[in-house]
Protein backbone atom coordinates (compact mmCIF):
# COMPACT_ATOMS: atom_id res chain seq x y z
CA MET A 1 -188.82 48.42 203.58
CA ALA A 2 -189.49 44.76 202.32
CA ILE A 3 -191.97 45.90 200.07
CA LYS A 4 -189.55 48.53 198.17
CA CYS A 5 -187.08 45.99 198.01
CA LYS A 6 -188.83 43.86 196.04
CA ALA A 7 -190.43 46.43 193.85
CA VAL A 8 -186.72 47.17 192.98
CA ILE A 9 -186.73 43.16 192.10
CA LYS A 10 -189.79 43.00 190.11
CA SER A 11 -188.48 45.68 187.62
CA SER A 12 -185.16 44.25 187.42
CA SER A 13 -187.38 41.18 185.92
CA GLY A 14 -189.27 43.23 184.27
CA ILE A 15 -186.10 44.74 182.26
CA PHE A 16 -184.47 40.83 181.88
CA LYS A 17 -187.71 39.81 180.10
CA ARG A 18 -187.93 42.77 178.09
CA ALA A 19 -184.61 41.99 176.93
CA ARG A 20 -185.11 38.59 176.35
CA GLY A 21 -188.18 39.53 173.73
CA LYS A 22 -185.91 41.71 171.96
CA ALA A 23 -183.01 38.86 171.49
CA GLY A 24 -185.16 36.09 170.42
CA SER A 25 -182.48 34.98 167.80
CA LYS A 26 -180.31 34.25 171.36
CA PRO A 27 -179.54 30.57 172.67
CA GLN A 28 -181.86 28.99 174.84
CA GLU A 29 -179.45 27.86 177.10
CA LYS A 30 -178.49 31.50 178.53
CA SER A 31 -182.91 32.45 178.46
CA GLN A 32 -182.67 29.42 181.21
CA GLU A 33 -179.69 31.07 183.08
CA GLU A 34 -181.23 34.94 183.31
CA PRO A 35 -184.79 33.07 185.75
CA ARG A 36 -182.24 31.61 188.15
CA GLU A 37 -180.31 34.59 188.65
CA VAL A 38 -183.34 36.57 189.08
CA GLU A 39 -184.73 33.96 191.68
CA GLU A 40 -181.27 34.30 193.68
CA GLN A 41 -181.51 38.13 193.39
CA VAL A 42 -185.26 38.06 194.58
CA ALA A 43 -184.06 35.68 197.75
CA GLU A 44 -181.15 37.91 198.52
CA GLY A 45 -183.60 40.46 198.60
CA GLU A 46 -185.91 39.04 200.83
CA ALA A 47 -183.22 37.72 203.42
CA GLN A 48 -182.06 41.54 203.32
CA ALA A 49 -185.33 42.61 204.04
CA GLU A 50 -186.18 40.74 207.03
CA GLN A 51 -182.67 41.22 208.60
CA ILE A 52 -183.85 44.98 208.47
CA SER A 53 -187.16 44.71 210.05
CA GLU A 54 -186.07 42.01 212.31
CA GLU A 55 -183.31 44.68 213.45
CA ASP A 56 -185.97 47.71 213.50
CA ALA A 57 -188.76 45.09 215.31
CA ALA A 58 -185.60 44.53 217.94
CA SER A 59 -184.71 48.35 218.49
CA LYS A 60 -188.43 48.85 218.69
CA LEU A 61 -188.77 46.23 221.87
CA ALA A 62 -185.42 47.71 223.22
CA GLU A 63 -187.34 51.52 223.46
CA GLU A 64 -190.56 50.22 224.50
CA VAL A 65 -188.84 48.27 227.38
CA VAL A 66 -186.26 51.16 228.59
CA GLY A 67 -189.65 53.78 228.27
CA ALA A 68 -191.28 51.14 230.61
CA ARG A 69 -188.61 50.19 232.84
CA LYS A 70 -188.01 54.26 233.48
CA LYS A 71 -191.70 54.80 234.15
CA GLU A 72 -191.59 51.98 236.46
CA LEU A 73 -188.66 53.69 238.54
CA LYS A 74 -189.77 57.13 238.67
CA SER A 75 -192.84 56.09 240.22
CA MET A 76 -191.07 54.32 242.42
CA PRO A 77 -190.44 56.34 245.94
CA VAL A 78 -187.21 57.83 246.77
CA ALA A 79 -185.62 55.52 249.58
CA ASP A 80 -186.81 52.13 247.71
CA LEU A 81 -185.09 53.94 244.28
CA LYS A 82 -181.60 54.31 246.73
CA THR A 83 -181.79 51.31 248.48
CA LEU A 84 -181.79 49.58 244.81
CA LEU A 85 -178.74 51.79 243.70
CA GLU A 86 -176.61 51.26 247.13
CA GLY A 87 -177.52 47.06 246.50
CA LYS A 88 -175.70 47.31 243.15
CA GLY A 89 -172.62 49.61 244.36
CA LEU A 90 -174.06 52.56 242.57
CA GLU A 91 -174.31 56.44 243.71
CA THR A 92 -177.39 58.02 245.04
CA GLY A 93 -178.25 61.67 244.48
CA LYS A 94 -181.63 63.12 242.76
CA LYS A 95 -184.23 61.20 241.65
CA ASP A 96 -184.08 62.11 238.05
CA ASP A 97 -180.33 61.26 238.38
CA MET A 98 -180.66 57.91 240.01
CA VAL A 99 -183.58 56.97 237.48
CA GLN A 100 -180.75 57.96 234.59
CA THR A 101 -177.61 55.82 236.53
CA LEU A 102 -179.80 53.04 236.97
CA LEU A 103 -180.90 52.71 233.44
CA ASN A 104 -177.55 53.53 232.25
CA PHE A 105 -176.15 50.51 234.37
CA GLU A 106 -178.84 48.00 233.27
CA ALA A 107 -178.42 49.11 229.78
CA GLN A 108 -174.62 48.41 230.10
CA LEU A 109 -175.56 44.58 231.65
CA ARG A 110 -177.87 44.46 228.63
CA ALA A 111 -174.96 45.18 226.43
CA ALA A 112 -172.62 42.66 228.26
CA ASP A 113 -175.34 40.15 227.61
CA GLN A 114 -175.97 40.52 224.36
CA ALA A 115 -171.93 40.28 223.81
CA LYS A 116 -172.04 37.08 225.69
CA ALA A 117 -174.89 35.77 223.54
CA ALA A 118 -172.90 37.02 220.64
CA ARG A 119 -169.62 35.10 221.83
CA THR A 120 -171.51 32.21 222.10
CA LYS A 121 -172.82 31.83 219.10
CA ALA A 122 -169.28 32.44 217.41
CA VAL A 123 -167.77 29.81 219.33
CA ILE A 124 -170.65 27.51 218.34
CA LEU A 125 -170.43 27.84 214.62
CA ASN A 126 -166.41 28.03 215.10
CA GLN A 127 -166.83 24.58 216.99
CA LYS A 128 -169.26 23.35 214.25
CA ALA A 129 -166.76 24.87 211.37
CA GLU A 130 -163.96 22.59 212.90
CA PHE A 131 -166.18 19.86 212.97
CA GLU A 132 -167.06 20.33 209.23
CA GLY A 133 -163.57 21.26 207.95
CA LEU A 134 -162.55 17.48 208.82
CA SER A 135 -161.80 15.03 206.20
CA ALA A 136 -164.39 12.04 206.03
CA SER A 137 -161.76 9.48 207.79
CA ASP A 138 -160.93 11.95 210.59
CA LEU A 139 -164.52 12.80 210.74
CA LYS A 140 -164.92 8.94 211.89
CA GLU A 141 -162.20 8.56 213.84
CA ARG A 142 -163.21 11.33 216.06
CA CYS A 143 -166.70 9.54 216.30
CA ALA A 144 -165.35 6.22 217.06
CA ALA A 145 -163.25 7.69 219.94
CA HIS A 146 -166.15 8.98 221.32
CA GLY A 147 -168.27 5.66 220.80
CA ILE A 148 -170.47 7.09 217.58
CA THR A 149 -170.48 4.12 215.41
CA GLY A 150 -172.62 3.00 212.44
CA VAL A 151 -173.28 4.32 208.78
CA LEU A 152 -173.82 8.18 209.46
CA SER A 153 -173.93 11.00 207.28
CA LYS A 154 -171.30 13.91 207.51
CA HIS A 155 -174.33 15.96 208.89
CA ASP A 156 -175.54 13.75 211.66
CA ARG A 157 -171.51 13.01 212.53
CA VAL A 158 -170.70 16.76 212.98
CA GLU A 159 -174.54 16.88 214.84
CA LYS A 160 -173.87 14.14 217.30
CA LEU A 161 -169.81 15.28 217.86
CA LEU A 162 -171.82 18.74 218.57
CA GLN A 163 -173.93 17.63 221.21
CA LEU A 164 -171.06 15.63 222.80
CA TRP A 165 -168.82 19.15 223.07
CA LEU A 166 -171.85 21.11 224.47
CA GLN A 167 -172.42 17.85 227.42
CA ASP A 168 -168.73 18.63 227.92
CA ASP A 169 -169.55 22.44 228.93
CA GLY A 170 -167.55 23.34 225.41
CA ILE A 171 -169.21 26.68 225.78
CA ASP A 172 -167.69 27.56 228.71
CA LYS A 173 -164.32 26.45 227.93
CA ALA A 174 -164.44 27.81 224.64
CA LEU A 175 -165.36 31.10 226.32
CA ALA A 176 -163.03 30.97 229.52
CA GLN A 177 -160.04 30.24 226.32
CA LEU A 178 -160.90 33.33 224.70
CA GLU A 179 -161.31 35.47 228.16
CA ARG A 180 -157.68 34.07 228.67
CA ALA A 181 -156.40 34.76 225.45
CA LYS A 182 -157.85 38.46 225.75
CA ARG A 183 -156.39 38.92 229.37
CA GLU A 184 -152.82 37.04 227.65
CA SER A 185 -152.86 40.18 225.40
CA GLU A 186 -153.88 42.93 228.00
CA LEU A 187 -151.03 41.99 229.90
CA ALA A 188 -148.48 41.36 227.20
CA GLY A 189 -149.46 44.83 226.26
CA MET A 190 -147.98 46.53 229.82
CA ASP A 191 -144.24 47.22 230.59
CA LYS A 192 -141.77 45.06 232.78
CA HIS A 193 -142.31 47.64 235.76
CA ALA A 194 -146.23 47.22 235.64
CA LEU A 195 -146.19 43.82 235.38
CA SER A 196 -143.75 43.64 238.11
CA LEU A 197 -145.83 45.76 240.51
CA LEU A 198 -148.67 43.50 239.68
CA CYS A 199 -146.50 40.17 240.60
CA ARG A 200 -145.54 41.64 243.88
CA LYS A 201 -149.44 42.81 244.62
CA LEU A 202 -150.78 39.11 243.81
CA GLY A 203 -148.07 37.52 245.60
CA VAL A 204 -146.31 36.47 242.73
CA ASP A 205 -142.41 36.02 242.31
CA PRO A 206 -141.39 38.70 239.29
CA ALA A 207 -137.89 37.15 238.85
CA VAL A 208 -136.53 33.73 238.14
CA LYS A 209 -133.24 32.91 239.99
CA GLU A 210 -131.47 31.40 237.25
CA VAL A 211 -131.88 34.62 235.02
CA MET A 212 -130.93 36.92 237.56
CA VAL A 213 -127.57 34.99 237.93
CA ASP A 214 -126.77 34.83 234.46
CA ARG A 215 -127.45 38.47 233.82
CA LEU A 216 -125.40 39.22 236.55
CA LEU A 217 -122.87 36.93 236.01
CA ARG A 218 -122.83 38.24 232.08
CA PHE A 219 -122.34 41.70 233.53
CA GLU A 220 -119.45 41.27 235.49
CA VAL A 221 -117.65 39.63 232.59
CA GLN A 222 -117.94 42.52 230.77
CA CYS A 223 -116.47 44.37 234.01
CA GLY A 224 -113.39 42.21 233.58
CA ARG A 225 -114.17 40.46 237.39
CA PHE A 226 -112.46 37.57 236.23
CA ASP A 227 -109.65 39.11 234.34
CA PRO A 228 -106.65 37.99 235.30
CA PRO A 229 -105.19 41.03 238.14
CA LYS A 230 -103.13 43.73 236.48
CA ALA A 231 -99.84 45.45 238.64
CA GLU A 232 -100.27 49.01 238.77
CA PRO A 233 -97.90 50.76 236.08
CA GLU A 234 -94.50 51.76 237.64
CA LYS A 235 -93.63 55.23 237.18
CA SER A 236 -90.73 55.26 234.22
CA SER A 237 -87.62 56.86 234.48
CA VAL A 238 -86.95 57.27 230.18
CA LEU A 239 -87.26 60.42 229.36
CA THR A 240 -89.12 61.79 226.09
CA PRO A 241 -87.79 65.19 224.49
CA GLY A 242 -90.05 68.05 224.18
CA PRO A 243 -91.17 69.50 220.61
CA ASN A 244 -89.27 72.50 221.40
CA GLU A 245 -86.11 71.00 223.32
CA ASP A 246 -82.41 71.27 222.41
CA MET A 247 -81.60 67.22 221.92
CA VAL A 248 -77.74 67.80 223.57
CA GLN A 249 -79.87 69.47 226.62
CA PHE A 250 -82.26 66.14 226.32
CA LEU A 251 -79.39 63.43 226.03
CA LEU A 252 -77.16 65.27 228.92
CA ALA A 253 -80.73 64.84 231.31
CA THR A 254 -81.39 61.16 229.90
CA GLU A 255 -77.54 60.28 230.87
CA ALA A 256 -77.97 62.05 234.18
CA GLN A 257 -81.12 60.35 234.86
CA ARG A 258 -79.77 57.03 234.45
CA LYS A 259 -76.65 57.53 236.54
CA LYS A 260 -79.21 58.34 239.05
CA ASP A 261 -81.29 55.84 238.78
CA ARG A 262 -78.00 53.30 238.97
CA GLU A 263 -76.86 55.04 241.70
CA LEU A 264 -80.00 54.09 243.61
CA LYS A 265 -80.29 50.60 242.57
CA GLN A 266 -76.40 50.25 243.73
CA GLN A 267 -77.78 51.64 247.23
CA GLN A 268 -80.66 49.28 247.75
CA GLU A 269 -78.35 46.69 246.77
CA GLU A 270 -75.23 47.73 249.27
CA ALA A 271 -78.43 48.09 251.79
CA ALA A 272 -79.98 44.85 251.02
CA THR A 273 -76.22 43.23 251.32
CA LYS A 274 -75.45 45.32 254.71
CA LYS A 275 -79.03 43.74 256.26
CA ARG A 276 -78.33 40.36 255.18
CA LYS A 277 -75.29 40.36 256.95
CA GLU A 278 -76.81 41.82 259.96
CA LEU A 279 -80.01 38.99 259.64
CA LYS A 280 -77.19 36.28 259.32
CA ALA A 281 -75.88 37.06 262.43
CA LEU A 282 -78.77 36.57 264.40
CA PRO A 283 -79.50 33.32 265.89
CA VAL A 284 -82.63 31.11 264.06
CA ASP A 285 -84.56 31.86 266.96
CA GLU A 286 -84.59 35.51 266.82
CA LEU A 287 -84.82 35.43 263.12
CA LYS A 288 -88.26 33.26 263.56
CA LYS A 289 -89.35 35.75 266.22
CA LEU A 290 -88.63 38.84 263.60
CA LEU A 291 -90.87 36.95 261.44
CA SER A 292 -93.42 36.45 263.50
CA ASN A 293 -93.66 40.22 264.90
CA LYS A 294 -94.17 41.18 260.72
CA GLY A 295 -97.22 38.73 260.60
CA LEU A 296 -95.13 36.03 259.14
CA ASP A 297 -95.06 32.39 260.51
CA LEU A 298 -92.32 30.21 259.04
CA PRO A 299 -91.63 27.16 261.76
CA SER A 300 -89.04 25.52 259.37
CA GLY A 301 -86.69 26.18 256.86
CA LYS A 302 -82.89 26.81 256.54
CA LYS A 303 -81.42 30.02 258.06
CA GLU A 304 -81.20 31.29 254.73
CA ASP A 305 -84.55 31.02 253.86
CA LEU A 306 -85.43 32.90 257.11
CA VAL A 307 -83.03 35.78 256.00
CA GLU A 308 -84.36 36.43 252.71
CA ALA A 309 -87.66 36.26 254.01
CA LEU A 310 -86.72 38.98 256.57
CA VAL A 311 -85.05 40.52 253.67
CA TYR A 312 -87.99 40.74 251.74
CA VAL A 313 -90.36 41.95 254.28
CA ILE A 314 -88.02 44.82 255.33
CA PHE A 315 -87.55 46.18 252.32
CA GLN A 316 -91.26 46.20 250.65
CA GLU A 317 -92.02 48.02 254.07
CA GLU A 318 -89.20 50.59 253.10
CA LYS A 319 -91.03 50.87 249.73
CA LEU A 320 -94.39 51.79 251.28
CA THR A 321 -92.59 53.83 253.65
CA THR A 322 -90.88 55.98 250.42
CA ARG A 323 -94.49 55.71 248.68
CA LYS A 324 -96.29 57.20 251.34
CA ALA A 325 -94.15 59.78 251.30
CA GLU A 326 -94.13 60.92 247.52
CA LEU A 327 -98.35 60.58 248.02
CA LYS A 328 -97.91 63.54 250.55
CA ALA A 329 -96.03 65.55 248.83
CA LEU A 330 -98.51 65.40 246.08
CA ALA A 331 -101.22 68.38 245.77
CA LYS A 332 -104.56 67.29 246.76
CA ASP A 333 -105.67 67.85 242.94
CA GLU A 334 -103.17 65.34 241.70
CA LEU A 335 -104.12 63.13 244.30
CA LYS A 336 -107.35 63.28 243.39
CA LYS A 337 -106.73 62.61 239.58
CA LEU A 338 -105.02 59.77 240.69
CA VAL A 339 -108.08 57.99 243.29
CA THR A 340 -110.47 59.00 240.65
CA SER A 341 -108.28 56.74 237.40
CA MET A 342 -107.87 54.32 240.34
CA GLY A 343 -112.03 53.96 240.92
CA LEU A 344 -111.44 54.81 244.20
CA GLN A 345 -113.56 57.05 246.29
CA THR A 346 -111.92 60.55 246.83
CA GLY A 347 -112.08 62.84 250.29
CA GLU A 348 -109.75 64.22 252.20
CA LYS A 349 -105.91 64.23 251.28
CA ASP A 350 -104.73 61.69 254.12
CA SER A 351 -107.94 59.17 253.82
CA MET A 352 -107.32 59.62 249.95
CA VAL A 353 -103.57 58.92 250.49
CA GLU A 354 -104.37 55.62 252.78
CA VAL A 355 -107.18 54.81 250.10
CA ILE A 356 -104.32 54.46 247.62
CA LEU A 357 -102.02 52.39 249.31
CA SER A 358 -104.58 49.83 250.25
CA HIS A 359 -105.67 49.49 247.04
CA GLU A 360 -102.05 49.04 245.84
CA ALA A 361 -101.18 46.27 248.73
CA LYS A 362 -104.72 44.84 247.36
CA VAL A 363 -103.15 44.24 244.02
CA ARG A 364 -99.80 43.42 245.31
CA GLU A 365 -102.01 40.39 247.17
CA ASP A 366 -103.99 39.75 244.23
CA LEU A 367 -100.95 39.16 242.41
CA LYS A 368 -99.33 36.73 244.61
CA THR A 369 -102.87 34.80 245.12
CA TYR A 370 -103.52 34.40 241.11
CA ALA A 371 -99.26 33.60 241.08
CA VAL A 372 -99.90 30.65 243.13
CA LYS A 373 -103.14 29.67 241.19
CA LEU A 374 -101.02 29.99 237.82
CA GLU A 375 -99.06 27.64 239.36
CA ALA A 376 -101.45 25.43 240.39
CA ALA A 377 -102.75 25.74 236.71
CA LEU A 378 -99.51 24.56 235.53
CA ALA A 379 -99.19 21.50 237.57
CA LYS A 380 -102.33 20.19 236.81
CA LYS A 381 -101.76 20.69 232.92
CA LYS A 382 -98.50 18.85 233.74
CA GLU A 383 -100.41 16.02 234.82
CA GLU A 384 -102.72 16.33 231.97
CA LEU A 385 -99.78 15.97 229.24
CA GLU A 386 -97.92 13.25 231.10
CA ALA A 387 -101.31 11.22 230.85
CA MET A 388 -101.42 11.70 227.20
CA THR A 389 -99.49 9.46 224.27
CA PHE A 390 -95.95 10.51 222.72
CA ALA A 391 -98.16 10.59 219.70
CA GLU A 392 -100.67 12.99 221.03
CA LEU A 393 -97.94 15.36 222.71
CA LYS A 394 -96.08 15.47 219.18
CA ASP A 395 -99.31 16.63 217.73
CA LEU A 396 -99.77 19.00 220.24
CA CYS A 397 -96.86 20.64 219.77
CA LEU A 398 -97.10 20.62 216.06
CA ALA A 399 -100.42 22.32 216.61
CA LYS A 400 -98.80 24.94 218.99
CA ASN A 401 -95.49 25.42 216.37
CA LEU A 402 -93.33 24.24 219.13
CA LYS A 403 -90.53 21.42 218.06
CA SER A 404 -91.51 18.14 219.52
CA GLY A 405 -88.87 16.03 221.01
CA ALA A 406 -87.34 12.93 221.04
CA GLY A 407 -89.03 11.59 223.65
CA LYS A 408 -92.13 12.31 226.11
CA LYS A 409 -90.47 14.02 228.84
CA GLU A 410 -89.15 16.58 226.47
CA CYS A 411 -92.59 17.30 224.71
CA VAL A 412 -94.10 17.93 228.12
CA ASP A 413 -91.30 20.17 229.12
CA ARG A 414 -91.60 22.54 225.69
CA LEU A 415 -95.64 22.53 226.20
CA LEU A 416 -95.02 23.48 229.56
CA GLU A 417 -92.38 26.65 228.68
CA GLY A 418 -94.96 27.49 225.82
CA ALA A 419 -97.80 27.60 228.14
CA ARG A 420 -95.35 29.62 230.46
CA SER A 421 -94.49 32.26 228.02
CA ASP A 422 -97.98 32.33 226.41
CA PRO A 423 -100.38 31.68 229.51
CA ALA A 424 -103.50 32.65 227.33
CA ASP A 425 -104.46 28.98 227.49
CA LEU A 426 -104.27 29.04 231.81
CA HIS A 427 -105.87 32.34 232.04
CA ARG A 428 -108.92 31.15 230.27
CA ALA A 429 -108.93 28.27 232.76
CA LEU A 430 -108.49 29.95 235.72
CA SER A 431 -111.13 32.60 234.44
CA LEU A 432 -113.92 29.55 233.78
CA GLU A 433 -113.27 28.39 237.05
CA ALA A 434 -113.71 31.63 239.04
CA ARG A 435 -116.99 32.26 237.14
CA ALA A 436 -118.55 28.39 238.22
CA GLN A 437 -117.73 29.34 241.80
CA ARG A 438 -118.97 32.73 241.57
CA ARG A 439 -122.64 31.40 239.85
CA ALA A 440 -122.64 28.34 242.56
CA THR A 441 -122.11 31.49 245.33
CA LEU A 442 -124.96 32.95 243.68
CA LEU A 443 -127.16 30.52 243.24
CA ASN A 444 -126.72 29.99 246.86
CA ALA A 445 -128.05 33.70 248.10
CA GLU A 446 -130.92 34.67 248.67
CA ALA A 447 -133.30 36.24 245.66
CA ALA A 448 -133.69 39.52 247.47
CA ALA A 449 -129.91 39.64 247.85
CA LEU A 450 -129.50 38.85 244.23
CA GLU A 451 -132.11 41.27 243.44
CA ASP A 452 -130.19 44.03 245.35
CA LEU A 453 -126.96 42.89 243.35
CA CYS A 454 -128.87 43.51 239.54
CA LYS A 455 -130.45 46.92 240.93
CA ALA A 456 -126.73 48.30 241.89
CA ALA A 457 -125.17 47.05 238.71
CA LYS A 458 -128.62 48.56 236.51
CA VAL A 459 -129.38 44.95 235.26
CA ASP A 460 -132.64 44.18 234.22
CA PHE A 461 -133.70 41.02 235.24
CA LEU A 462 -137.35 40.64 234.64
CA VAL A 463 -138.16 38.60 231.91
CA LYS A 464 -141.65 39.95 230.40
CA GLU A 465 -143.06 36.31 229.49
CA VAL A 466 -142.77 34.98 232.58
CA MET A 467 -144.18 37.23 234.54
CA VAL A 468 -147.35 37.21 232.33
CA GLU A 469 -147.47 33.34 232.56
CA ARG A 470 -147.29 33.72 236.05
CA ILE A 471 -149.80 35.92 236.36
CA LEU A 472 -152.06 33.90 234.40
CA ALA A 473 -151.77 31.04 236.07
CA HIS A 474 -152.18 32.92 239.32
CA GLU A 475 -155.36 33.69 238.17
CA ASP A 476 -156.37 30.74 236.56
CA GLU A 477 -156.23 29.41 240.65
CA PHE A 478 -157.70 32.29 242.14
CA GLY A 479 -159.52 34.46 239.95
CA LEU A 480 -159.00 38.30 238.83
CA ALA A 481 -158.77 40.89 241.77
CA VAL A 482 -162.95 42.48 241.88
CA ALA A 483 -162.16 46.27 241.19
CA GLU A 484 -164.13 48.74 243.41
CA PRO A 485 -166.64 50.75 241.31
CA PRO A 486 -165.79 54.05 240.48
CA THR A 487 -168.10 55.64 242.44
CA LYS A 488 -167.21 53.97 245.58
CA LYS A 489 -163.47 55.00 245.06
CA ALA A 490 -164.49 58.63 244.68
CA LYS A 491 -166.37 58.53 248.08
CA LYS A 492 -163.09 57.59 249.86
């Protein structure tokens, strides 16, 4: 093959010579360039021919080695052959099959050795190219840092740095970096679930507590956990006319409803007045005892306060009794719709009635608790405002479109009144406070409990980059898990 390449090149050279003979009138400079071009083509052709020859020789040598090894294995006793395969974790069988299995296994080993040799050569060439790519000043500084001094050529400096790099296990370190980069790419290509399973198999925590807390909080904010509580909408007694309803009949019905509501309100007021009168006739100790029986404890206070507290409790109980009767009068399907609209669990009629009553009681309690918090927020706001200067208070009034008073106290009062009528800022402050408390609670919880909360809320708490980083760190310390040979797995 090398002879053919040279023959082609010689014929090309002859063509150039004939061309020069015909074009004798052309400048002498071009005639000098053409032989140089021909020489380069000759050198390139010879290099290619040598490479092809080397590859052919290597392939022929490999075939000879495999052939000799095959003869050697075939001449071995079956028992020795089986022992040899078992020592390498390979499956045994008929002699010819075992020979072929071992040849394939050794071919894989040779291929792996050749690949490693190629990678080794590549990292050396890359490092050499890196050193050669440095400027003269950078190369000199790098040499000086390693104690290499004196007047040296660039080639000598590169060579000395390469020797130091080799002595410092540069090849092994570079190969390890390549393997790590390959492994990182492999892990990055896995989905989160597979990475999570691998983390747990290695005993590595796949989650970050702070991430779980942050994502849970974000979910709870979206669900309205930290919004102000809302009262259940009351039944409206206002009638609306139907599309085909006679207007006169509608107005008569409306007036009848208004009269009914007015009478009901009057009856309630009369009942409250009567109850107040009855309670005022009782001694203070008896009033306290009645309050204590109803779960209220007011050891101190005026008699009028005790009476009003009792009147409130008694009428709340009556409202509850009336509400319970209303719910029991509803059909089961209507109850189910009402329970579902509240986000509660449906069930038997009596249990749904109790569920609704418990929910409404909780809403009332939440409203009372929140009202206390609002008052505390207003008190805190008042302290902040009183600590400000009159000029600052006037500017704040102006920013909120409020009239500034003649004095500091008037400004504070107007700002507080504005906060009461539009409590958006107070709601936000309470929401942020509740979130901070919830965050502290979640951070103190066990990781397993947080994971259960995330799963229940369908919150994705895994971070792919974190899992990849932790798996790599574990493998850097303990190495990759050694997989069992496929033949061994098949036997189990």
